[in-house]
Protein backbone atom coordinates (compact mmCIF):
# COMPACT_ATOMS: atom_id res chain seq x y z
CA VAL A 1 -116.87 27.45 -129.14
CA ASP A 2 -113.29 27.65 -129.48
CA PHE A 3 -113.12 29.57 -132.53
CA LEU A 4 -114.15 32.40 -130.61
CA ASP A 5 -110.68 32.68 -129.17
CA SER A 6 -108.46 30.61 -131.83
CA SER A 7 -109.56 32.03 -134.74
CA PRO A 8 -107.18 34.51 -136.74
CA TRP A 9 -109.86 36.60 -137.88
CA PRO A 10 -109.52 39.92 -137.26
CA VAL A 11 -113.23 40.47 -135.60
CA SER A 12 -114.96 39.10 -132.56
CA ILE A 13 -118.56 38.35 -132.02
CA LEU A 14 -118.95 41.85 -130.88
CA ASP A 15 -118.08 43.28 -134.44
CA ALA A 16 -120.95 40.92 -136.13
CA TYR A 17 -123.61 42.23 -133.57
CA ILE A 18 -123.25 45.94 -134.15
CA ASN A 19 -123.27 45.23 -138.08
CA ILE A 20 -126.89 43.58 -138.04
CA ASN A 21 -128.59 45.08 -140.70
CA GLU A 22 -126.32 47.72 -141.17
CA THR A 23 -124.50 48.52 -144.83
CA GLU A 24 -121.51 49.65 -144.33
CA PHE A 25 -119.15 47.32 -141.79
CA LEU A 26 -117.80 49.12 -138.29
CA SER A 27 -115.49 47.54 -136.30
CA TYR A 28 -116.07 47.58 -132.30
CA ASP A 29 -113.18 49.87 -131.90
CA GLN A 30 -114.80 52.25 -134.22
CA TYR A 31 -117.97 51.96 -132.70
CA LYS A 32 -116.17 52.41 -129.14
CA LEU A 33 -114.82 55.63 -130.69
CA GLN A 34 -118.38 56.84 -131.99
CA HIS A 35 -120.50 55.97 -128.67
CA PRO A 36 -117.60 56.75 -125.83
CA VAL A 37 -118.75 54.80 -122.60
CA ARG A 38 -117.99 56.99 -119.52
CA PRO A 39 -115.54 55.83 -117.16
CA PRO A 40 -116.33 53.35 -114.35
CA ALA A 41 -117.02 54.97 -110.75
CA VAL A 42 -114.89 53.27 -108.99
CA PRO A 43 -110.87 51.57 -109.52
CA LEU A 44 -111.14 48.11 -110.96
CA GLU A 45 -109.14 47.27 -107.91
CA ASP A 46 -112.03 47.94 -105.59
CA LEU A 47 -114.25 45.08 -107.20
CA HIS A 48 -114.73 42.01 -105.05
CA TRP A 49 -115.95 38.86 -105.20
CA LYS A 50 -117.13 38.81 -102.08
CA PRO A 51 -117.35 42.65 -100.81
CA GLY A 52 -117.02 42.84 -97.13
CA GLY A 53 -119.19 45.25 -95.16
CA SER A 54 -122.90 46.87 -95.41
CA SER A 55 -123.98 47.34 -98.93
CA GLY A 56 -127.31 49.10 -100.12
CA SER A 57 -129.95 50.65 -98.17
CA SER A 58 -129.07 51.90 -94.87
CA LEU A 59 -132.62 51.88 -94.04
CA ASP A 60 -133.81 50.95 -90.43
CA TYR A 61 -136.30 48.80 -90.99
CA SER A 62 -137.55 47.94 -87.86
CA LYS A 63 -139.04 51.72 -87.56
CA LEU A 64 -141.21 51.02 -91.00
CA THR A 65 -144.58 50.19 -90.66
CA MET A 66 -146.76 47.83 -93.12
CA PRO A 67 -150.00 49.00 -94.49
CA PRO A 68 -152.32 46.13 -94.71
CA LYS A 69 -153.30 46.63 -98.19
CA LEU A 70 -150.84 47.38 -100.89
CA ARG A 71 -151.47 47.95 -105.03
CA ALA A 72 -148.12 47.09 -106.89
CA ALA A 73 -147.28 47.39 -110.52
CA VAL A 74 -144.78 44.76 -111.33
CA LEU A 75 -142.83 45.75 -114.63
CA GLY A 76 -140.65 43.23 -115.97
CA THR A 77 -140.14 41.22 -119.65
CA HIS A 78 -138.83 38.33 -117.62
CA ALA A 79 -141.60 36.33 -115.87
CA THR A 80 -139.78 34.61 -113.32
CA LEU A 81 -137.67 37.47 -112.18
CA SER A 82 -140.80 39.35 -112.36
CA LEU A 83 -142.81 36.62 -110.16
CA GLU A 84 -139.79 36.09 -107.30
CA PRO A 85 -140.21 39.28 -105.29
CA VAL A 86 -143.79 38.97 -105.55
CA ASP A 87 -143.76 35.31 -104.25
CA MET A 88 -141.23 36.43 -101.36
CA ILE A 89 -143.02 39.59 -100.23
CA ARG A 90 -146.28 37.19 -100.00
CA ARG A 91 -144.05 34.50 -98.24
CA LEU A 92 -142.62 37.18 -95.53
CA ALA A 93 -145.19 39.67 -95.29
CA LYS A 94 -148.28 37.42 -94.45
CA ASP A 95 -150.41 40.62 -92.91
CA LEU A 96 -149.88 42.24 -96.16
CA GLU A 97 -152.62 41.68 -98.36
CA LEU A 98 -150.94 42.57 -101.89
CA LYS A 99 -152.26 42.97 -105.05
CA ALA A 100 -149.52 42.61 -107.76
CA THR A 101 -150.25 43.33 -111.38
CA PHE A 102 -147.61 42.28 -114.29
CA PHE A 103 -147.00 44.39 -117.34
CA GLY A 104 -144.80 43.75 -119.89
CA LEU A 105 -145.18 39.98 -120.04
CA GLU A 106 -146.64 37.55 -122.57
CA GLN A 107 -149.99 36.03 -121.72
CA ARG A 108 -148.69 32.70 -122.14
CA TRP A 109 -147.10 33.12 -118.63
CA CYS A 110 -150.86 32.79 -117.39
CA ALA A 111 -150.99 29.30 -118.22
CA ILE A 112 -147.34 28.25 -117.15
CA LEU A 113 -146.88 30.09 -113.85
CA GLY A 114 -150.50 31.36 -112.94
CA MET A 115 -149.14 34.88 -113.52
CA CYS A 116 -152.92 35.99 -114.81
CA ASP A 117 -153.35 39.38 -113.01
CA GLN A 118 -151.76 41.03 -116.04
CA GLY A 119 -152.12 44.29 -117.06
CA THR A 120 -152.45 46.07 -120.74
CA THR A 121 -150.42 44.21 -122.91
CA ALA A 122 -149.17 47.79 -124.48
CA LEU A 123 -146.20 47.63 -122.72
CA SER A 124 -145.01 44.59 -123.54
CA GLN A 125 -145.54 45.54 -127.43
CA LEU A 126 -143.84 48.75 -126.18
CA PHE A 127 -140.35 47.21 -125.09
CA LYS A 128 -140.92 44.37 -128.16
CA ALA A 129 -141.28 47.21 -130.83
CA ALA A 130 -138.17 49.08 -129.18
CA GLU A 131 -135.64 46.22 -128.90
CA LYS A 132 -136.42 45.06 -132.60
CA ASP A 133 -135.40 48.68 -133.72
CA PRO A 134 -133.62 50.51 -130.54
CA TYR A 135 -132.43 53.81 -132.81
CA GLY A 136 -136.12 54.39 -133.26
CA TYR A 137 -137.60 54.37 -130.21
CA SER A 138 -135.86 57.32 -128.47
CA TRP A 139 -136.14 58.07 -124.46
CA VAL A 140 -138.86 60.88 -125.31
CA THR A 141 -140.35 58.70 -127.30
CA MET A 142 -140.56 56.11 -125.28
CA THR A 143 -142.18 57.84 -122.41
CA THR A 144 -144.35 59.47 -124.59
CA ALA A 145 -146.08 56.58 -125.45
CA ILE A 146 -145.88 55.52 -122.17
CA GLU A 147 -147.86 58.52 -120.91
CA ALA A 148 -150.60 57.17 -123.10
CA ILE A 149 -150.72 53.74 -121.65
CA TYR A 150 -150.39 55.29 -118.11
CA ASP A 151 -153.32 57.39 -118.60
CA ALA A 152 -155.55 54.67 -120.15
CA ASP A 153 -154.95 52.02 -117.48
CA GLU A 154 -156.49 51.78 -114.03
CA ASP A 155 -153.98 49.26 -112.24
CA LEU A 156 -151.01 51.82 -113.20
CA GLN A 157 -152.93 54.51 -111.99
CA LYS A 158 -153.55 53.07 -108.95
CA ALA A 159 -150.32 51.49 -107.94
CA GLU A 160 -148.64 52.42 -104.78
CA LEU A 161 -145.58 50.83 -105.39
CA LEU A 162 -143.84 50.06 -109.01
CA ILE A 163 -141.63 46.31 -108.37
CA CYS A 164 -139.22 46.50 -111.30
CA THR A 165 -136.97 44.15 -112.95
CA GLU A 166 -136.37 44.91 -116.20
CA PRO A 167 -135.68 47.09 -118.03
CA LEU A 168 -135.06 49.84 -115.26
CA ALA A 169 -134.89 52.05 -118.16
CA GLY A 170 -138.41 51.70 -118.69
CA CYS A 171 -139.45 51.62 -115.07
CA MET A 172 -137.43 55.10 -114.20
CA MET A 173 -139.78 56.08 -117.64
CA LEU A 174 -142.43 55.18 -116.06
CA LYS A 175 -141.80 56.60 -112.49
CA GLN A 176 -141.09 59.82 -114.55
CA VAL A 177 -144.77 59.83 -116.06
CA ALA A 178 -146.09 59.17 -112.54
CA GLU A 179 -144.47 62.37 -111.39
CA ARG A 180 -145.86 64.80 -114.28
CA ARG A 181 -149.04 63.81 -112.87
CA GLY A 182 -148.41 64.72 -109.28
CA LYS A 183 -147.84 60.96 -107.86
CA GLN A 184 -144.86 59.85 -106.32
CA LEU A 185 -144.30 55.83 -107.06
CA PRO A 186 -141.45 54.08 -105.00
CA ILE A 187 -139.45 51.39 -106.88
CA LEU A 188 -138.68 48.15 -105.46
CA GLY A 189 -135.76 47.16 -108.02
CA TYR A 190 -134.83 43.48 -108.30
CA PHE A 191 -132.26 42.91 -111.19
CA GLY A 192 -131.03 40.17 -112.86
CA VAL A 193 -129.22 41.98 -116.28
CA ALA A 194 -127.25 44.87 -116.81
CA LEU A 195 -128.89 48.29 -115.82
CA LEU A 196 -128.17 49.22 -119.17
CA ASN A 197 -130.40 46.23 -120.64
CA SER A 198 -132.84 48.01 -123.34
CA CYS A 199 -131.84 51.66 -122.60
CA PRO A 200 -132.39 53.62 -126.12
CA PRO A 201 -128.80 53.49 -127.24
CA GLU A 202 -128.74 57.38 -128.18
CA ASP A 203 -129.79 58.00 -124.40
CA ILE A 204 -127.09 56.81 -122.14
CA ARG A 205 -126.36 59.92 -120.68
CA THR A 206 -130.33 60.74 -120.27
CA PHE A 207 -130.41 56.81 -118.51
CA TRP A 208 -127.44 57.73 -115.78
CA GLU A 209 -129.46 61.43 -114.71
CA ALA A 210 -132.44 59.63 -114.35
CA PHE A 211 -130.48 56.78 -112.53
CA ALA A 212 -128.85 59.49 -110.52
CA ASP A 213 -132.07 61.28 -109.81
CA LEU A 214 -133.64 58.03 -108.48
CA MET A 215 -130.80 57.21 -106.11
CA ALA A 216 -130.74 60.77 -104.70
CA PRO A 217 -134.28 62.32 -103.64
CA LYS A 218 -136.55 61.17 -100.46
CA LEU A 219 -140.25 60.62 -99.92
CA PRO A 220 -141.50 64.06 -98.47
CA GLY A 221 -141.53 64.48 -95.02
CA ALA A 222 -140.03 61.07 -94.59
CA GLN A 223 -136.20 61.66 -93.78
CA ASP A 224 -133.22 59.61 -94.94
CA GLN A 225 -135.81 57.20 -96.96
CA PRO A 226 -135.29 57.21 -100.77
CA THR A 227 -137.89 56.72 -103.40
CA ALA A 228 -135.88 53.71 -104.52
CA VAL A 229 -134.81 50.47 -102.71
CA LEU A 230 -132.67 48.43 -105.03
CA SER A 231 -130.97 44.91 -105.06
CA VAL A 232 -130.05 42.00 -107.79
CA ASN A 233 -129.67 38.55 -107.72
CA ASN A 234 -126.49 37.40 -108.69
CA LEU A 235 -122.89 38.61 -106.96
CA ILE A 236 -121.53 39.60 -110.52
CA LEU A 237 -123.94 42.03 -111.66
CA SER A 238 -123.79 43.81 -107.99
CA GLU A 239 -119.99 44.48 -108.43
CA GLN A 240 -120.72 45.67 -112.33
CA ILE A 241 -123.27 48.33 -111.25
CA TYR A 242 -120.87 49.75 -108.61
CA TYR A 243 -117.92 49.58 -111.06
CA GLN A 244 -120.39 51.80 -113.64
CA SER A 245 -122.06 53.74 -110.89
CA GLY A 246 -120.77 53.85 -107.29
CA GLU A 247 -123.75 52.37 -106.00
CA ARG A 248 -123.32 48.65 -104.40
CA MET A 249 -126.62 47.33 -104.20
CA PRO A 250 -127.47 44.36 -101.71
CA TYR A 251 -127.52 40.49 -103.33
CA VAL A 252 -130.51 38.72 -102.72
CA ARG A 253 -130.23 35.28 -103.86
CA ALA A 254 -133.10 33.93 -105.87
CA HIS A 255 -135.32 30.85 -104.56
CA GLY A 256 -137.42 30.21 -106.93
CA LEU A 257 -139.86 28.32 -104.06
CA TYR A 258 -142.99 29.63 -106.73
CA THR A 259 -142.69 26.82 -108.68
CA GLY A 260 -143.74 24.56 -106.11
CA MET A 261 -141.91 21.68 -107.49
CA SER A 262 -139.51 19.00 -105.48
CA TYR A 263 -137.44 16.32 -106.76
CA ALA A 264 -139.38 13.05 -107.54
CA PRO A 265 -137.62 11.16 -109.98
CA SER A 266 -139.81 8.56 -111.54
CA LYS A 267 -137.96 8.57 -115.36
CA HIS A 268 -134.65 6.89 -113.81
CA ASN A 269 -133.00 6.49 -116.87
CA GLU A 270 -133.69 9.76 -118.39
CA VAL A 271 -132.03 12.78 -118.33
CA LEU A 272 -133.70 16.33 -119.52
CA VAL A 273 -131.28 19.09 -121.58
CA TRP A 274 -132.71 21.99 -120.84
CA ARG A 275 -133.00 24.64 -123.79
CA ALA A 276 -130.31 26.83 -124.22
CA PRO A 277 -130.71 29.71 -126.63
CA LEU A 278 -127.40 30.08 -127.53
CA PHE A 279 -125.57 26.81 -127.70
CA MET A 280 -128.15 24.04 -127.84
CA TYR A 281 -128.37 24.00 -131.65
CA SER A 282 -129.63 20.64 -133.89
CA THR A 283 -125.84 20.04 -134.39
CA THR A 284 -124.84 19.96 -130.58
CA GLN A 285 -127.98 17.48 -130.18
CA CYS A 286 -126.64 15.33 -133.27
CA ALA A 287 -123.05 15.25 -132.08
CA MET A 288 -124.22 14.14 -128.33
CA HIS A 289 -126.35 11.52 -130.19
CA ARG A 290 -123.28 10.61 -132.22
CA PHE A 291 -121.09 10.43 -129.00
CA PHE A 292 -123.87 8.15 -127.30
CA GLU A 293 -123.96 6.00 -130.24
CA GLY A 294 -119.95 4.89 -129.93
CA MET A 295 -120.93 3.99 -126.14
CA PRO A 296 -123.79 1.30 -125.93
CA TYR A 297 -122.98 0.03 -122.83
CA HIS A 298 -124.74 3.40 -121.78
CA GLN A 299 -128.20 3.09 -120.64
CA MET A 300 -129.12 6.57 -120.20
CA ASN A 301 -131.29 8.33 -122.49
CA PHE A 302 -131.28 12.51 -122.72
CA ARG A 303 -134.73 14.25 -123.54
CA PHE A 304 -133.77 17.14 -125.28
CA MET A 305 -136.26 20.59 -124.81
CA GLU A 306 -136.95 22.98 -128.26
CA GLU A 307 -136.35 25.94 -128.40
CA GLY A 308 -140.04 27.41 -127.70
CA GLU A 309 -141.06 24.42 -125.94
CA SER A 310 -142.74 24.62 -122.25
CA MET A 311 -142.64 22.10 -119.60
CA GLN A 312 -144.82 21.60 -116.29
CA TYR A 313 -142.67 21.84 -113.62
CA SER A 314 -144.37 18.37 -111.99
CA ASP A 315 -142.86 16.97 -115.20
CA VAL A 316 -139.71 18.43 -115.14
CA VAL A 317 -138.99 16.31 -110.96
CA THR A 318 -139.73 12.98 -112.52
CA TYR A 319 -136.57 13.17 -114.53
CA LYS A 320 -133.57 11.26 -113.15
CA ALA A 321 -131.63 14.90 -113.73
CA VAL A 322 -131.05 18.10 -115.66
CA ALA A 323 -128.37 18.99 -118.10
CA LEU A 324 -128.04 22.70 -118.13
CA ILE A 325 -125.65 24.77 -119.85
CA PRO A 326 -126.12 28.52 -118.83
CA TRP A 327 -126.65 30.99 -121.36
CA ASP A 328 -126.00 33.72 -118.26
CA HIS A 329 -124.05 34.32 -115.71
CA ALA A 330 -127.52 34.34 -113.39
CA LEU A 331 -130.19 31.75 -114.49
CA MET A 332 -133.45 31.49 -112.49
CA THR A 333 -133.98 28.10 -114.23
CA PHE A 334 -131.06 27.44 -112.04
CA TYR A 335 -132.53 28.64 -108.79
CA GLU A 336 -135.64 27.06 -109.45
CA LEU A 337 -134.13 23.63 -110.36
CA PHE A 338 -131.57 23.89 -107.45
CA SER A 339 -134.69 24.74 -104.71
CA ALA A 340 -136.40 21.53 -105.62
CA GLN A 341 -133.22 19.46 -104.98
CA MET A 342 -132.72 18.54 -108.48
CA PRO A 343 -129.61 16.93 -109.69
CA LEU A 344 -127.95 19.07 -112.05
CA LEU A 345 -125.31 18.60 -115.03
CA LEU A 346 -123.04 21.59 -115.59
CA PRO A 347 -120.01 22.29 -117.70
CA GLU A 348 -116.82 22.69 -115.86
CA ALA A 349 -115.73 25.81 -115.05
CA GLU A 350 -113.31 26.24 -118.28
CA TRP A 351 -116.49 25.79 -120.47
CA MET A 352 -118.64 28.19 -118.05
CA TYR A 353 -116.20 30.94 -118.72
CA ARG A 354 -116.03 30.52 -122.32
CA PHE A 355 -120.10 30.32 -122.51
CA LEU A 356 -120.64 33.64 -120.28
CA HIS A 357 -117.56 35.30 -121.78
CA GLN A 358 -119.31 34.63 -125.75
CA ARG A 359 -122.70 35.82 -123.93
CA GLY A 360 -121.94 39.50 -124.07
CA GLN A 361 -123.36 40.32 -120.31
CA LEU A 362 -119.97 40.71 -118.92
């Protein structure tokens, strides 16, 4: 990936990205002029890797009572990120009967993770369509579609809590729809990607207005109880959101205990190379194979996972180790493997910085 830094070409990966399917070239500098970003909420100097003091909600949880039963709609397009808060709630609140219905996921996650309590697929289809054509799905268009989905789905109508992972824009739209029908829908947020992920690009201002409204109101008759409690699964995202909004969300590390796996190696000469959507191309595999051909004394075999391939957790833990090339700064895969005590082969810091910077999330 060194060419991204050393190439004399006067373009970047962002220049290429914003010109996909376009007929006229637009540089990233020109794009920024046409789509100005609102100024940061706090000075850059206020950001810290490990900020001191309290952060996030000031709720006194000792005064809150837990209902015996709770119906939750879980909205998220990332399966394991959505499963994490549901699994931890069930582990910690053992007296609570939590009925969680997942929205926004593909049906294949029923077989992979047992996430079979899925609601209508209309939401996932809507988010996929908006991802392919973001300018064709404005905030109003998306909200109108969600209204029709809400009115046709009993699980959404009966939900008492919205557990939100991504996209936050979709969660706020759903909350607005419920409020128009006279229902207050509190949000428990657990984020792993940028707040503006999948937000309609022409409605950034609308997003921030909805976000300010989300953080401001109180539940009727319940003093100092917000309608949303939001957290993140990594410190970088916490500081990024603080820089954008002035709201520093608490960091709650993911554990990935829902996998139920524990390191049990039986393939003592095999390393599993985890699929990396942005880096593990066939050329990379070829280069690694050639490298090991020049090391005949090396007795380790490398098994590459292909893009789109799924593997049972019980099979993953049988390998001697997993080689993981991160494509983002916080991967649920890493938390799952770490909790399973799986030996991990990771890039050194210099390569790690390059990979994460190339991804575009930072």
